[in-house]
Amino acid sequence: EASVQQGIVLRLLHALSWPSYDTQIVCPEYSLEGRRVDYALCHPPGKPIAFVEVKQIGQSEGAERQLFEYAFHVGVPLAILTDGQEWNFFLPGEQGDYGERRVYKLDIVERDISE
């Protein structure tokens, strides 16, 4: 999990202009009543607008529940679950099951570079 975080997630956040060195904006191990989410993306600093939960490659199945609990509890509008290769974007405040609340799924290995 740490290798996915450091080798893929932080690099991608940096490429998307998130200042991964600023822990008030890209907050690692964001604490929620004794539980932690891997990253809280904050704007303004200290106010989460998205949670990112990182799992080992191929090990993200079933992690939606944990991520949704975190996001719903804090009222974060966007939840992202990734194993580094597959990225799932959810709107946790919407109605329906996890699949219905997933608004986008991206596999960065299968994706054409021109897309």
PDB file of N, CA and C in Angstrom:
ATOM      1  N   GLU A   1       0.821  -1.199   0.000  1.00  0.00           N
ATOM      2  CA  GLU A   1       0.000   0.000   0.000  1.00  0.00           C
ATOM      3  C   GLU A   1       0.861   1.257   0.000  1.00  0.00           C
ATOM      4  N   ALA A   2       1.917   1.276   0.794  1.00  0.00           N
ATOM      5  CA  ALA A   2       2.797   2.451   0.847  1.00  0.00           C
ATOM      6  C   ALA A   2       3.466   2.703  -0.496  1.00  0.00           C
ATOM      7  N   SER A   3       3.831   1.632  -1.195  1.00  0.00           N
ATOM      8  CA  SER A   3       4.475   1.817  -2.498  1.00  0.00           C
ATOM      9  C   SER A   3       3.491   2.388  -3.517  1.00  0.00           C
ATOM     10  N   VAL A   4       2.228   2.001  -3.436  1.00  0.00           N
ATOM     11  CA  VAL A   4       1.205   2.563  -4.322  1.00  0.00           C
ATOM     12  C   VAL A   4       1.008   4.041  -3.993  1.00  0.00           C
ATOM     13  N   GLN A   5       0.951   4.363  -2.698  1.00  0.00           N
ATOM     14  CA  GLN A   5       0.771   5.757  -2.285  1.00  0.00           C
ATOM     15  C   GLN A   5       1.901   6.634  -2.793  1.00  0.00           C
ATOM     16  N   GLN A   6       3.118   6.213  -2.525  1.00  0.00           N
ATOM     17  CA  GLN A   6       4.274   7.045  -2.867  1.00  0.00           C
ATOM     18  C   GLN A   6       4.590   7.012  -4.358  1.00  0.00           C
ATOM     19  N   GLY A   7       4.526   5.840  -4.961  1.00  0.00           N
ATOM     20  CA  GLY A   7       4.945   5.711  -6.348  1.00  0.00           C
ATOM     21  C   GLY A   7       3.916   6.130  -7.373  1.00  0.00           C
ATOM     22  N   ILE A   8       2.647   6.077  -7.003  1.00  0.00           N
ATOM     23  CA  ILE A   8       1.602   6.381  -7.982  1.00  0.00           C
ATOM     24  C   ILE A   8       0.722   7.546  -7.536  1.00  0.00           C
ATOM     25  N   VAL A   9       0.088   7.405  -6.375  1.00  0.00           N
ATOM     26  CA  VAL A   9      -0.917   8.385  -5.951  1.00  0.00           C
ATOM     27  C   VAL A   9      -0.319   9.775  -5.767  1.00  0.00           C
ATOM     28  N   LEU A  10       0.748   9.891  -5.000  1.00  0.00           N
ATOM     29  CA  LEU A  10       1.340  11.215  -4.773  1.00  0.00           C
ATOM     30  C   LEU A  10       1.877  11.825  -6.063  1.00  0.00           C
ATOM     31  N   ARG A  11       2.440  11.010  -6.926  1.00  0.00           N
ATOM     32  CA  ARG A  11       2.927  11.524  -8.218  1.00  0.00           C
ATOM     33  C   ARG A  11       1.776  12.041  -9.076  1.00  0.00           C
ATOM     34  N   LEU A  12       0.686  11.304  -9.086  1.00  0.00           N
ATOM     35  CA  LEU A  12      -0.468  11.729  -9.869  1.00  0.00           C
ATOM     36  C   LEU A  12      -1.085  13.004  -9.292  1.00  0.00           C
ATOM     37  N   LEU A  13      -1.215  13.075  -7.975  1.00  0.00           N
ATOM     38  CA  LEU A  13      -1.742  14.298  -7.357  1.00  0.00           C
ATOM     39  C   LEU A  13      -0.854  15.496  -7.690  1.00  0.00           C
ATOM     40  N   HIS A  14       0.447  15.291  -7.649  1.00  0.00           N
ATOM     41  CA  HIS A  14       1.382  16.365  -7.998  1.00  0.00           C
ATOM     42  C   HIS A  14       1.200  16.789  -9.463  1.00  0.00           C
ATOM     43  N   ALA A  15       1.046  15.810 -10.351  1.00  0.00           N
ATOM     44  CA  ALA A  15       0.843  16.116 -11.773  1.00  0.00           C
ATOM     45  C   ALA A  15      -0.464  16.875 -12.007  1.00  0.00           C
ATOM     46  N   LEU A  16      -1.436  16.686 -11.113  1.00  0.00           N
ATOM     47  CA  LEU A  16      -2.717  17.388 -11.205  1.00  0.00           C
ATOM     48  C   LEU A  16      -2.704  18.708 -10.435  1.00  0.00           C
ATOM     49  N   SER A  17      -1.508  19.152 -10.062  1.00  0.00           N
ATOM     50  CA  SER A  17      -1.279  20.431  -9.370  1.00  0.00           C
ATOM     51  C   SER A  17      -1.750  20.464  -7.922  1.00  0.00           C
ATOM     52  N   TRP A  18      -1.923  19.301  -7.296  1.00  0.00           N
ATOM     53  CA  TRP A  18      -2.157  19.267  -5.861  1.00  0.00           C
ATOM     54  C   TRP A  18      -0.789  19.314  -5.190  1.00  0.00           C
ATOM     55  N   PRO A  19      -0.553  20.255  -4.277  1.00  0.00           N
ATOM     56  CA  PRO A  19       0.763  20.367  -3.632  1.00  0.00           C
ATOM     57  C   PRO A  19       0.961  19.255  -2.593  1.00  0.00           C
ATOM     58  N   SER A  20       1.432  18.115  -3.050  1.00  0.00           N
ATOM     59  CA  SER A  20       1.539  16.932  -2.190  1.00  0.00           C
ATOM     60  C   SER A  20       2.480  17.130  -1.008  1.00  0.00           C
ATOM     61  N   TYR A  21       3.310  18.152  -1.044  1.00  0.00           N
ATOM     62  CA  TYR A  21       4.224  18.464   0.059  1.00  0.00           C
ATOM     63  C   TYR A  21       3.526  19.254   1.169  1.00  0.00           C
ATOM     64  N   ASP A  22       2.357  19.823   0.891  1.00  0.00           N
ATOM     65  CA  ASP A  22       1.636  20.647   1.866  1.00  0.00           C
ATOM     66  C   ASP A  22       0.584  19.784   2.566  1.00  0.00           C
ATOM     67  N   THR A  23       0.868  19.379   3.793  1.00  0.00           N
ATOM     68  CA  THR A  23      -0.017  18.460   4.507  1.00  0.00           C
ATOM     69  C   THR A  23      -1.306  19.106   5.007  1.00  0.00           C
ATOM     70  N   GLN A  24      -1.458  20.406   4.830  1.00  0.00           N
ATOM     71  CA  GLN A  24      -2.736  21.055   5.126  1.00  0.00           C
ATOM     72  C   GLN A  24      -3.687  20.971   3.930  1.00  0.00           C
ATOM     73  N   ILE A  25      -3.124  20.654   2.768  1.00  0.00           N
ATOM     74  CA  ILE A  25      -3.927  20.539   1.548  1.00  0.00           C
ATOM     75  C   ILE A  25      -4.058  19.076   1.121  1.00  0.00           C
ATOM     76  N   VAL A  26      -2.955  18.359   1.069  1.00  0.00           N
ATOM     77  CA  VAL A  26      -2.970  16.916   0.824  1.00  0.00           C
ATOM     78  C   VAL A  26      -2.594  16.280   2.154  1.00  0.00           C
ATOM     79  N   CYS A  27      -3.625  16.009   2.945  1.00  0.00           N
ATOM     80  CA  CYS A  27      -3.433  15.568   4.328  1.00  0.00           C
ATOM     81  C   CYS A  27      -3.361  14.045   4.399  1.00  0.00           C
ATOM     82  N   PRO A  28      -2.174  13.482   4.688  1.00  0.00           N
ATOM     83  CA  PRO A  28      -2.055  12.026   4.780  1.00  0.00           C
ATOM     84  C   PRO A  28      -2.610  11.514   6.107  1.00  0.00           C
ATOM     85  N   GLU A  29      -3.148  10.304   6.080  1.00  0.00           N
ATOM     86  CA  GLU A  29      -3.658   9.653   7.289  1.00  0.00           C
ATOM     87  C   GLU A  29      -4.616  10.558   8.056  1.00  0.00           C
ATOM     88  N   TYR A  30      -5.601  11.083   7.349  1.00  0.00           N
ATOM     89  CA  TYR A  30      -6.587  11.986   7.947  1.00  0.00           C
ATOM     90  C   TYR A  30      -7.402  11.219   8.987  1.00  0.00           C
ATOM     91  N   SER A  31      -7.423  11.729  10.204  1.00  0.00           N
ATOM     92  CA  SER A  31      -8.036  11.031  11.332  1.00  0.00           C
ATOM     93  C   SER A  31      -9.508  11.387  11.499  1.00  0.00           C
ATOM     94  N   LEU A  32     -10.317  10.340  11.686  1.00  0.00           N
ATOM     95  CA  LEU A  32     -11.757  10.484  11.913  1.00  0.00           C
ATOM     96  C   LEU A  32     -12.162   9.598  13.079  1.00  0.00           C
ATOM     97  N   GLU A  33     -12.282  10.152  14.254  1.00  0.00           N
ATOM     98  CA  GLU A  33     -12.725   9.404  15.434  1.00  0.00           C
ATOM     99  C   GLU A  33     -12.033   8.046  15.558  1.00  0.00           C
ATOM    100  N   GLY A  34     -10.731   8.047  15.557  1.00  0.00           N
ATOM    101  CA  GLY A  34      -9.965   6.821  15.723  1.00  0.00           C
ATOM    102  C   GLY A  34      -9.740   6.029  14.450  1.00  0.00           C
ATOM    103  N   ARG A  35     -10.356   6.437  13.357  1.00  0.00           N
ATOM    104  CA  ARG A  35     -10.137   5.775  12.065  1.00  0.00           C
ATOM    105  C   ARG A  35      -9.369   6.734  11.174  1.00  0.00           C
ATOM    106  N   ARG A  36      -8.796   6.207  10.123  1.00  0.00           N
ATOM    107  CA  ARG A  36      -8.006   7.053   9.231  1.00  0.00           C
ATOM    108  C   ARG A  36      -8.321   6.747   7.774  1.00  0.00           C
ATOM    109  N   VAL A  37      -8.341   7.812   6.982  1.00  0.00           N
ATOM    110  CA  VAL A  37      -8.434   7.673   5.534  1.00  0.00           C
ATOM    111  C   VAL A  37      -7.051   8.045   4.999  1.00  0.00           C
ATOM    112  N   ASP A  38      -6.609   7.407   3.928  1.00  0.00           N
ATOM    113  CA  ASP A  38      -5.234   7.593   3.458  1.00  0.00           C
ATOM    114  C   ASP A  38      -4.908   9.047   3.134  1.00  0.00           C
ATOM    115  N   TYR A  39      -5.796   9.724   2.408  1.00  0.00           N
ATOM    116  CA  TYR A  39      -5.562  11.140   2.090  1.00  0.00           C
ATOM    117  C   TYR A  39      -6.875  11.901   2.122  1.00  0.00           C
ATOM    118  N   ALA A  40      -6.806  13.107   2.651  1.00  0.00           N
ATOM    119  CA  ALA A  40      -7.894  14.067   2.515  1.00  0.00           C
ATOM    120  C   ALA A  40      -7.358  15.187   1.640  1.00  0.00           C
ATOM    121  N   LEU A  41      -8.058  15.480   0.567  1.00  0.00           N
ATOM    122  CA  LEU A  41      -7.693  16.604  -0.295  1.00  0.00           C
ATOM    123  C   LEU A  41      -8.510  17.792   0.184  1.00  0.00           C
ATOM    124  N   CYS A  42      -7.825  18.826   0.614  1.00  0.00           N
ATOM    125  CA  CYS A  42      -8.480  19.942   1.296  1.00  0.00           C
ATOM    126  C   CYS A  42      -8.402  21.241   0.502  1.00  0.00           C
ATOM    127  N   HIS A  43      -9.541  21.930   0.457  1.00  0.00           N
ATOM    128  CA  HIS A  43      -9.601  23.263  -0.147  1.00  0.00           C
ATOM    129  C   HIS A  43     -10.808  23.981   0.427  1.00  0.00           C
ATOM    130  N   PRO A  44     -10.607  24.995   1.230  1.00  0.00           N
ATOM    131  CA  PRO A  44      -9.336  25.588   1.658  1.00  0.00           C
ATOM    132  C   PRO A  44      -8.567  24.631   2.569  1.00  0.00           C
ATOM    133  N   PRO A  45      -7.310  24.966   2.875  1.00  0.00           N
ATOM    134  CA  PRO A  45      -6.494  24.092   3.722  1.00  0.00           C
ATOM    135  C   PRO A  45      -7.232  23.685   5.000  1.00  0.00           C
ATOM    136  N   GLY A  46      -7.176  22.381   5.283  1.00  0.00           N
ATOM    137  CA  GLY A  46      -7.799  21.850   6.484  1.00  0.00           C
ATOM    138  C   GLY A  46      -9.257  21.449   6.325  1.00  0.00           C
ATOM    139  N   LYS A  47      -9.902  21.794   5.201  1.00  0.00           N
ATOM    140  CA  LYS A  47     -11.303  21.428   4.962  1.00  0.00           C
ATOM    141  C   LYS A  47     -11.372  20.414   3.816  1.00  0.00           C
ATOM    142  N   PRO A  48     -11.624  19.141   4.138  1.00  0.00           N
ATOM    143  CA  PRO A  48     -11.634  18.100   3.109  1.00  0.00           C
ATOM    144  C   PRO A  48     -12.765  18.268   2.097  1.00  0.00           C
ATOM    145  N   ILE A  49     -12.411  18.132   0.821  1.00  0.00           N
ATOM    146  CA  ILE A  49     -13.410  18.105  -0.248  1.00  0.00           C
ATOM    147  C   ILE A  49     -13.426  16.740  -0.940  1.00  0.00           C
ATOM    148  N   ALA A  50     -12.387  15.933  -0.686  1.00  0.00           N
ATOM    149  CA  ALA A  50     -12.329  14.584  -1.256  1.00  0.00           C
ATOM    150  C   ALA A  50     -11.473  13.706  -0.361  1.00  0.00           C
ATOM    151  N   PHE A  51     -11.859  12.450  -0.276  1.00  0.00           N
ATOM    152  CA  PHE A  51     -11.052  11.453   0.415  1.00  0.00           C
ATOM    153  C   PHE A  51     -10.505  10.487  -0.625  1.00  0.00           C
ATOM    154  N   VAL A  52      -9.260  10.067  -0.424  1.00  0.00           N
ATOM    155  CA  VAL A  52      -8.631   9.077  -1.294  1.00  0.00           C
ATOM    156  C   VAL A  52      -8.211   7.902  -0.420  1.00  0.00           C
ATOM    157  N   GLU A  53      -8.745   6.732  -0.715  1.00  0.00           N
ATOM    158  CA  GLU A  53      -8.378   5.513  -0.008  1.00  0.00           C
ATOM    159  C   GLU A  53      -7.561   4.661  -0.966  1.00  0.00           C
ATOM    160  N   VAL A  54      -6.381   4.231  -0.518  1.00  0.00           N
ATOM    161  CA  VAL A  54      -5.439   3.497  -1.361  1.00  0.00           C
ATOM    162  C   VAL A  54      -5.308   2.067  -0.847  1.00  0.00           C
ATOM    163  N   LYS A  55      -5.378   1.130  -1.755  1.00  0.00           N
ATOM    164  CA  LYS A  55      -5.197  -0.284  -1.436  1.00  0.00           C
ATOM    165  C   LYS A  55      -4.089  -0.849  -2.311  1.00  0.00           C
ATOM    166  N   GLN A  56      -3.626  -2.036  -1.966  1.00  0.00           N
ATOM    167  CA  GLN A  56      -2.648  -2.731  -2.802  1.00  0.00           C
ATOM    168  C   GLN A  56      -3.279  -3.039  -4.155  1.00  0.00           C
ATOM    169  N   ILE A  57      -2.466  -3.137  -5.178  1.00  0.00           N
ATOM    170  CA  ILE A  57      -2.972  -3.462  -6.514  1.00  0.00           C
ATOM    171  C   ILE A  57      -3.756  -4.770  -6.452  1.00  0.00           C
ATOM    172  N   GLY A  58      -4.980  -4.707  -6.963  1.00  0.00           N
ATOM    173  CA  GLY A  58      -5.858  -5.863  -6.969  1.00  0.00           C
ATOM    174  C   GLY A  58      -6.571  -6.130  -5.656  1.00  0.00           C
ATOM    175  N   GLN A  59      -6.397  -5.282  -4.647  1.00  0.00           N
ATOM    176  CA  GLN A  59      -6.973  -5.524  -3.322  1.00  0.00           C
ATOM    177  C   GLN A  59      -8.022  -4.492  -2.906  1.00  0.00           C
ATOM    178  N   SER A  60      -8.558  -3.740  -3.839  1.00  0.00           N
ATOM    179  CA  SER A  60      -9.493  -2.670  -3.475  1.00  0.00           C
ATOM    180  C   SER A  60     -10.943  -3.133  -3.369  1.00  0.00           C
ATOM    181  N   GLU A  61     -11.233  -4.343  -3.785  1.00  0.00           N
ATOM    182  CA  GLU A  61     -12.608  -4.822  -3.745  1.00  0.00           C
ATOM    183  C   GLU A  61     -13.120  -4.883  -2.306  1.00  0.00           C
ATOM    184  N   GLY A  62     -14.312  -4.367  -2.111  1.00  0.00           N
ATOM    185  CA  GLY A  62     -14.923  -4.384  -0.786  1.00  0.00           C
ATOM    186  C   GLY A  62     -14.545  -3.211   0.103  1.00  0.00           C
ATOM    187  N   ALA A  63     -13.663  -2.343  -0.352  1.00  0.00           N
ATOM    188  CA  ALA A  63     -13.217  -1.211   0.466  1.00  0.00           C
ATOM    189  C   ALA A  63     -14.171  -0.023   0.385  1.00  0.00           C
ATOM    190  N   GLU A  64     -15.170  -0.113  -0.476  1.00  0.00           N
ATOM    191  CA  GLU A  64     -16.102   1.004  -0.638  1.00  0.00           C
ATOM    192  C   GLU A  64     -16.812   1.350   0.663  1.00  0.00           C
ATOM    193  N   ARG A  65     -17.224   0.342   1.407  1.00  0.00           N
ATOM    194  CA  ARG A  65     -17.987   0.583   2.637  1.00  0.00           C
ATOM    195  C   ARG A  65     -17.212   1.464   3.606  1.00  0.00           C
ATOM    196  N   GLN A  66     -15.961   1.104   3.855  1.00  0.00           N
ATOM    197  CA  GLN A  66     -15.107   1.877   4.760  1.00  0.00           C
ATOM    198  C   GLN A  66     -14.969   3.314   4.261  1.00  0.00           C
ATOM    199  N   LEU A  67     -14.712   3.489   2.991  1.00  0.00           N
ATOM    200  CA  LEU A  67     -14.537   4.820   2.415  1.00  0.00           C
ATOM    201  C   LEU A  67     -15.825   5.637   2.512  1.00  0.00           C
ATOM    202  N   PHE A  68     -16.962   5.005   2.233  1.00  0.00           N
ATOM    203  CA  PHE A  68     -18.244   5.710   2.300  1.00  0.00           C
ATOM    204  C   PHE A  68     -18.567   6.136   3.724  1.00  0.00           C
ATOM    205  N   GLU A  69     -18.247   5.299   4.697  1.00  0.00           N
ATOM    206  CA  GLU A  69     -18.476   5.670   6.094  1.00  0.00           C
ATOM    207  C   GLU A  69     -17.680   6.920   6.442  1.00  0.00           C
ATOM    208  N   TYR A  70     -16.424   6.956   6.042  1.00  0.00           N
ATOM    209  CA  TYR A  70     -15.581   8.129   6.295  1.00  0.00           C
ATOM    210  C   TYR A  70     -16.182   9.373   5.638  1.00  0.00           C
ATOM    211  N   ALA A  71     -16.477   9.267   4.359  1.00  0.00           N
ATOM    212  CA  ALA A  71     -16.940  10.424   3.597  1.00  0.00           C
ATOM    213  C   ALA A  71     -18.298  10.915   4.090  1.00  0.00           C
ATOM    214  N   PHE A  72     -19.207  10.002   4.359  1.00  0.00           N
ATOM    215  CA  PHE A  72     -20.537  10.385   4.811  1.00  0.00           C
ATOM    216  C   PHE A  72     -20.472  11.067   6.171  1.00  0.00           C
ATOM    217  N   HIS A  73     -19.660  10.536   7.069  1.00  0.00           N
ATOM    218  CA  HIS A  73     -19.537  11.079   8.427  1.00  0.00           C
ATOM    219  C   HIS A  73     -19.065  12.532   8.414  1.00  0.00           C
ATOM    220  N   VAL A  74     -18.146  12.857   7.527  1.00  0.00           N
ATOM    221  CA  VAL A  74     -17.574  14.205   7.467  1.00  0.00           C
ATOM    222  C   VAL A  74     -18.324  15.096   6.469  1.00  0.00           C
ATOM    223  N   GLY A  75     -19.101  14.496   5.580  1.00  0.00           N
ATOM    224  CA  GLY A  75     -19.817  15.275   4.573  1.00  0.00           C
ATOM    225  C   GLY A  75     -18.959  15.639   3.376  1.00  0.00           C
ATOM    226  N   VAL A  76     -17.985  14.791   3.079  1.00  0.00           N
ATOM    227  CA  VAL A  76     -17.097  15.024   1.943  1.00  0.00           C
ATOM    228  C   VAL A  76     -17.827  14.615   0.657  1.00  0.00           C
ATOM    229  N   PRO A  77     -17.876  15.503  -0.343  1.00  0.00           N
ATOM    230  CA  PRO A  77     -18.678  15.225  -1.536  1.00  0.00           C
ATOM    231  C   PRO A  77     -18.086  14.218  -2.521  1.00  0.00           C
ATOM    232  N   LEU A  78     -16.779  13.975  -2.480  1.00  0.00           N
ATOM    233  CA  LEU A  78     -16.145  13.076  -3.440  1.00  0.00           C
ATOM    234  C   LEU A  78     -15.276  12.069  -2.705  1.00  0.00           C
ATOM    235  N   ALA A  79     -15.423  10.803  -3.075  1.00  0.00           N
ATOM    236  CA  ALA A  79     -14.617   9.733  -2.490  1.00  0.00           C
ATOM    237  C   ALA A  79     -13.942   8.973  -3.624  1.00  0.00           C
ATOM    238  N   ILE A  80     -12.645   8.746  -3.478  1.00  0.00           N
ATOM    239  CA  ILE A  80     -11.858   8.085  -4.518  1.00  0.00           C
ATOM    240  C   ILE A  80     -11.221   6.842  -3.920  1.00  0.00           C
ATOM    241  N   LEU A  81     -11.415   5.723  -4.581  1.00  0.00           N
ATOM    242  CA  LEU A  81     -10.825   4.458  -4.166  1.00  0.00           C
ATOM    243  C   LEU A  81      -9.903   3.998  -5.279  1.00  0.00           C
ATOM    244  N   THR A  82      -8.651   3.699  -4.928  1.00  0.00           N
ATOM    245  CA  THR A  82      -7.702   3.276  -5.955  1.00  0.00           C
ATOM    246  C   THR A  82      -6.749   2.209  -5.437  1.00  0.00           C
ATOM    247  N   ASP A  83      -6.309   1.383  -6.362  1.00  0.00           N
ATOM    248  CA  ASP A  83      -5.208   0.467  -6.082  1.00  0.00           C
ATOM    249  C   ASP A  83      -3.987   0.885  -6.916  1.00  0.00           C
ATOM    250  N   GLY A  84      -4.041   2.103  -7.431  1.00  0.00           N
ATOM    251  CA  GLY A  84      -2.966   2.636  -8.254  1.00  0.00           C
ATOM    252  C   GLY A  84      -3.214   2.450  -9.734  1.00  0.00           C
ATOM    253  N   GLN A  85      -3.810   1.349 -10.092  1.00  0.00           N
ATOM    254  CA  GLN A  85      -4.143   1.086 -11.494  1.00  0.00           C
ATOM    255  C   GLN A  85      -5.591   1.473 -11.775  1.00  0.00           C
ATOM    256  N   GLU A  86      -6.493   0.990 -10.953  1.00  0.00           N
ATOM    257  CA  GLU A  86      -7.911   1.278 -11.138  1.00  0.00           C
ATOM    258  C   GLU A  86      -8.331   2.387 -10.177  1.00  0.00           C
ATOM    259  N   TRP A  87      -8.974   3.405 -10.715  1.00  0.00           N
ATOM    260  CA  TRP A  87      -9.440   4.554  -9.931  1.00  0.00           C
ATOM    261  C   TRP A  87     -10.954   4.611 -10.027  1.00  0.00           C
ATOM    262  N   ASN A  88     -11.623   4.629  -8.870  1.00  0.00           N
ATOM    263  CA  ASN A  88     -13.075   4.708  -8.798  1.00  0.00           C
ATOM    264  C   ASN A  88     -13.466   5.991  -8.088  1.00  0.00           C
ATOM    265  N   PHE A  89     -14.328   6.770  -8.717  1.00  0.00           N
ATOM    266  CA  PHE A  89     -14.765   8.059  -8.185  1.00  0.00           C
ATOM    267  C   PHE A  89     -16.238   7.947  -7.803  1.00  0.00           C
ATOM    268  N   PHE A  90     -16.546   8.282  -6.562  1.00  0.00           N
ATOM    269  CA  PHE A  90     -17.889   8.126  -6.019  1.00  0.00           C
ATOM    270  C   PHE A  90     -18.428   9.447  -5.480  1.00  0.00           C
ATOM    271  N   LEU A  91     -19.748   9.572  -5.518  1.00  0.00           N
ATOM    272  CA  LEU A  91     -20.456  10.663  -4.850  1.00  0.00           C
ATOM    273  C   LEU A  91     -21.189  10.029  -3.664  1.00  0.00           C
ATOM    274  N   PRO A  92     -20.565  10.009  -2.485  1.00  0.00           N
ATOM    275  CA  PRO A  92     -21.130   9.277  -1.350  1.00  0.00           C
ATOM    276  C   PRO A  92     -22.453   9.822  -0.833  1.00  0.00           C
ATOM    277  N   GLY A  93     -22.766  11.069  -1.092  1.00  0.00           N
ATOM    278  CA  GLY A  93     -24.010  11.650  -0.607  1.00  0.00           C
ATOM    279  C   GLY A  93     -25.227  11.323  -1.456  1.00  0.00           C
ATOM    280  N   GLU A  94     -25.024  10.683  -2.593  1.00  0.00           N
ATOM    281  CA  GLU A  94     -26.133  10.338  -3.489  1.00  0.00           C
ATOM    282  C   GLU A  94     -26.850   9.083  -2.997  1.00  0.00           C
ATOM    283  N   GLN A  95     -27.987   8.800  -3.590  1.00  0.00           N
ATOM    284  CA  GLN A  95     -28.784   7.618  -3.257  1.00  0.00           C
ATOM    285  C   GLN A  95     -28.298   6.413  -4.061  1.00  0.00           C
ATOM    286  N   GLY A  96     -28.545   5.229  -3.525  1.00  0.00           N
ATOM    287  CA  GLY A  96     -28.243   4.004  -4.250  1.00  0.00           C
ATOM    288  C   GLY A  96     -27.082   3.240  -3.647  1.00  0.00           C
ATOM    289  N   ASP A  97     -26.800   2.089  -4.267  1.00  0.00           N
ATOM    290  CA  ASP A  97     -25.682   1.282  -3.783  1.00  0.00           C
ATOM    291  C   ASP A  97     -24.364   1.857  -4.302  1.00  0.00           C
ATOM    292  N   TYR A  98     -23.270   1.212  -3.938  1.00  0.00           N
ATOM    293  CA  TYR A  98     -21.946   1.735  -4.304  1.00  0.00           C
ATOM    294  C   TYR A  98     -21.801   1.898  -5.813  1.00  0.00           C
ATOM    295  N   GLY A  99     -22.266   0.918  -6.554  1.00  0.00           N
ATOM    296  CA  GLY A  99     -22.156   0.978  -8.009  1.00  0.00           C
ATOM    297  C   GLY A  99     -22.927   2.135  -8.615  1.00  0.00           C
ATOM    298  N   GLU A 100     -24.082   2.430  -8.046  1.00  0.00           N
ATOM    299  CA  GLU A 100     -24.898   3.534  -8.552  1.00  0.00           C
ATOM    300  C   GLU A 100     -24.298   4.894  -8.207  1.00  0.00           C
ATOM    301  N   ARG A 101     -23.523   4.942  -7.144  1.00  0.00           N
ATOM    302  CA  ARG A 101     -22.913   6.213  -6.744  1.00  0.00           C
ATOM    303  C   ARG A 101     -21.525   6.412  -7.350  1.00  0.00           C
ATOM    304  N   ARG A 102     -21.034   5.395  -8.074  1.00  0.00           N
ATOM    305  CA  ARG A 102     -19.762   5.563  -8.778  1.00  0.00           C
ATOM    306  C   ARG A 102     -20.037   6.373 -10.037  1.00  0.00           C
ATOM    307  N   VAL A 103     -19.346   7.503 -10.161  1.00  0.00           N
ATOM    308  CA  VAL A 103     -19.573   8.384 -11.306  1.00  0.00           C
ATOM    309  C   VAL A 103     -18.519   8.210 -12.388  1.00  0.00           C
ATOM    310  N   TYR A 104     -17.406   7.582 -12.034  1.00  0.00           N
ATOM    311  CA  TYR A 104     -16.363   7.389 -13.039  1.00  0.00           C
ATOM    312  C   TYR A 104     -15.432   6.274 -12.587  1.00  0.00           C
ATOM    313  N   LYS A 105     -14.990   5.489 -13.550  1.00  0.00           N
ATOM    314  CA  LYS A 105     -14.016   4.427 -13.296  1.00  0.00           C
ATOM    315  C   LYS A 105     -12.936   4.547 -14.353  1.00  0.00           C
ATOM    316  N   LEU A 106     -11.693   4.541 -13.909  1.00  0.00           N
ATOM    317  CA  LEU A 106     -10.562   4.716 -14.814  1.00  0.00           C
ATOM    318  C   LEU A 106      -9.512   3.657 -14.524  1.00  0.00           C
ATOM    319  N   ASP A 107      -9.078   2.965 -15.558  1.00  0.00           N
ATOM    320  CA  ASP A 107      -7.959   2.034 -15.455  1.00  0.00           C
ATOM    321  C   ASP A 107      -6.802   2.684 -16.206  1.00  0.00           C
ATOM    322  N   ILE A 108      -5.784   3.143 -15.478  1.00  0.00           N
ATOM    323  CA  ILE A 108      -4.715   3.911 -16.124  1.00  0.00           C
ATOM    324  C   ILE A 108      -3.804   3.048 -16.988  1.00  0.00           C
ATOM    325  N   VAL A 109      -3.854   1.740 -16.830  1.00  0.00           N
ATOM    326  CA  VAL A 109      -3.052   0.860 -17.682  1.00  0.00           C
ATOM    327  C   VAL A 109      -3.763   0.641 -19.016  1.00  0.00           C
ATOM    328  N   GLU A 110      -5.072   0.452 -18.964  1.00  0.00           N
ATOM    329  CA  GLU A 110      -5.838   0.193 -20.180  1.00  0.00           C
ATOM    330  C   GLU A 110      -6.195   1.459 -20.942  1.00  0.00           C
ATOM    331  N   ARG A 111      -6.091   2.599 -20.313  1.00  0.00           N
ATOM    332  CA  ARG A 111      -6.479   3.878 -20.929  1.00  0.00           C
ATOM    333  C   ARG A 111      -5.490   4.265 -22.018  1.00  0.00           C
ATOM    334  N   ASP A 112      -6.010   4.704 -23.159  1.00  0.00           N
ATOM    335  CA  ASP A 112      -5.173   5.191 -24.249  1.00  0.00           C
ATOM    336  C   ASP A 112      -4.584   6.536 -23.854  1.00  0.00           C
ATOM    337  N   ILE A 113      -3.316   6.734 -24.113  1.00  0.00           N
ATOM    338  CA  ILE A 113      -2.618   7.966 -23.708  1.00  0.00           C
ATOM    339  C   ILE A 113      -3.252   9.210 -24.310  1.00  0.00           C
ATOM    340  N   SER A 114      -3.869   9.094 -25.483  1.00  0.00           N
ATOM    341  CA  SER A 114      -4.490  10.256 -26.128  1.00  0.00           C
ATOM    342  C   SER A 114      -5.784  10.675 -25.442  1.00  0.00           C
ATOM    343  N   GLU A 115      -6.337   9.793 -24.612  1.00  0.00           N
ATOM    344  CA  GLU A 115      -7.578  10.114 -23.908  1.00  0.00           C
ATOM    345  C   GLU A 115      -7.250  10.974 -22.729  1.00  0.00           C
TER     346      GLU A 115
END
